[in-house]
Amino acid sequence: MDVYKILKAENYSIIIFGSGFTGEYLLEHCRRHRLCVTAFADNSIAKQGAFIDGVPVLGLAEAMPGVPMRWLFWCPQGRICGAWFAN
């Protein structure tokens, strides 16, 4: 299965969990593949409210409701582990 084709064909938006180095790397990767990143979700209150290259950093609860999202790329502990279909 080609995840990029699915995400592009269905015009999915992406929320990246974690706004550190790995999250920024994933943003760059998504943009290279012309994927729409809606927001970063981060549990660090200090990072919430900031913007990274024009993308807002939201709290986890704030990022989930009302956002047209289907795929989430998970970046725990500085590693990209895969994708999860949210709906």
Protein backbone atom coordinates (compact mmCIF):
# COMPACT_ATOMS: atom_id res chain seq x y z
CA MET A 1 0.00 0.00 0.00
CA ASP A 2 1.36 3.42 -0.99
CA VAL A 3 0.52 5.69 1.94
CA TYR A 4 1.45 8.83 -0.01
CA LYS A 5 -1.01 8.04 -2.81
CA ILE A 6 -3.81 7.43 -0.31
CA LEU A 7 -3.12 10.63 1.60
CA LYS A 8 -2.95 12.71 -1.59
CA ALA A 9 -5.97 11.11 -3.29
CA GLU A 10 -8.25 11.63 -0.29
CA ASN A 11 -6.81 15.08 0.51
CA TYR A 12 -6.12 14.12 4.13
CA SER A 13 -4.72 16.52 6.66
CA ILE A 14 -1.97 15.44 9.05
CA ILE A 15 -1.29 16.26 12.68
CA ILE A 16 2.24 15.48 13.82
CA PHE A 17 2.62 14.40 17.45
CA GLY A 18 5.71 16.00 18.90
CA SER A 19 7.14 19.32 17.80
CA GLY A 20 10.80 18.61 18.48
CA PHE A 21 13.54 17.73 16.00
CA THR A 22 11.81 14.59 14.73
CA GLY A 23 8.49 16.38 14.30
CA GLU A 24 10.19 19.13 12.30
CA TYR A 25 11.91 16.49 10.17
CA LEU A 26 8.56 14.82 9.52
CA LEU A 27 7.03 18.19 8.54
CA GLU A 28 9.79 18.65 5.97
CA HIS A 29 9.26 15.09 4.73
CA CYS A 30 5.50 15.59 4.36
CA ARG A 31 5.97 18.85 2.48
CA ARG A 32 8.43 17.18 0.12
CA HIS A 33 5.65 14.74 -0.71
CA ARG A 34 3.08 17.57 -0.97
CA LEU A 35 1.08 16.40 2.05
CA CYS A 36 -0.96 18.86 4.13
CA VAL A 37 0.19 19.19 7.74
CA THR A 38 -2.56 20.90 9.77
CA ALA A 39 -0.81 21.15 13.15
CA PHE A 40 1.66 19.77 15.63
CA ALA A 41 0.23 18.26 18.82
CA ASP A 42 2.53 18.46 21.82
CA ASN A 43 1.97 17.84 25.53
CA SER A 44 4.58 20.46 26.47
CA ILE A 45 2.70 23.56 27.61
CA ALA A 46 5.81 25.63 26.86
CA LYS A 47 5.59 24.70 23.16
CA GLN A 48 1.82 25.11 22.75
CA GLY A 49 0.79 28.33 21.01
CA ALA A 50 4.00 28.53 19.00
CA PHE A 51 4.34 28.06 15.25
CA ILE A 52 6.93 25.94 13.46
CA ASP A 53 7.43 27.04 9.88
CA GLY A 54 3.84 28.37 9.83
CA VAL A 55 2.27 25.28 11.45
CA PRO A 56 0.64 25.80 14.87
CA VAL A 57 1.65 23.76 17.92
CA LEU A 58 -1.48 22.74 19.83
CA GLY A 59 -2.21 20.76 22.97
CA LEU A 60 -3.35 17.19 22.44
CA ALA A 61 -6.99 17.91 23.36
CA GLU A 62 -7.05 21.05 21.24
CA ALA A 63 -5.59 19.31 18.18
CA MET A 64 -8.11 16.50 17.99
CA PRO A 65 -11.66 17.95 17.82
CA GLY A 66 -12.86 19.74 14.70
CA VAL A 67 -9.76 19.04 12.62
CA PRO A 68 -10.34 17.27 9.29
CA MET A 69 -7.78 14.60 9.94
CA ARG A 70 -7.53 10.95 9.02
CA TRP A 71 -3.88 9.98 9.40
CA LEU A 72 -1.56 10.69 12.28
CA PHE A 73 2.18 10.22 12.13
CA TRP A 74 3.46 9.24 15.54
CA CYS A 75 6.87 10.49 16.73
CA PRO A 76 7.44 9.09 20.23
CA GLN A 77 10.85 9.25 21.86
CA GLY A 78 12.45 10.83 18.80
CA ARG A 79 11.58 7.98 16.43
CA ILE A 80 9.17 7.80 13.53
CA CYS A 81 7.22 4.62 14.17
CA GLY A 82 4.57 4.71 11.47
CA ALA A 83 1.11 5.94 10.64
CA TRP A 84 -2.24 5.35 12.24
CA PHE A 85 -5.64 5.69 10.57
CA ALA A 86 -7.73 7.79 12.94
CA ASN A 87 -11.20 7.47 11.47
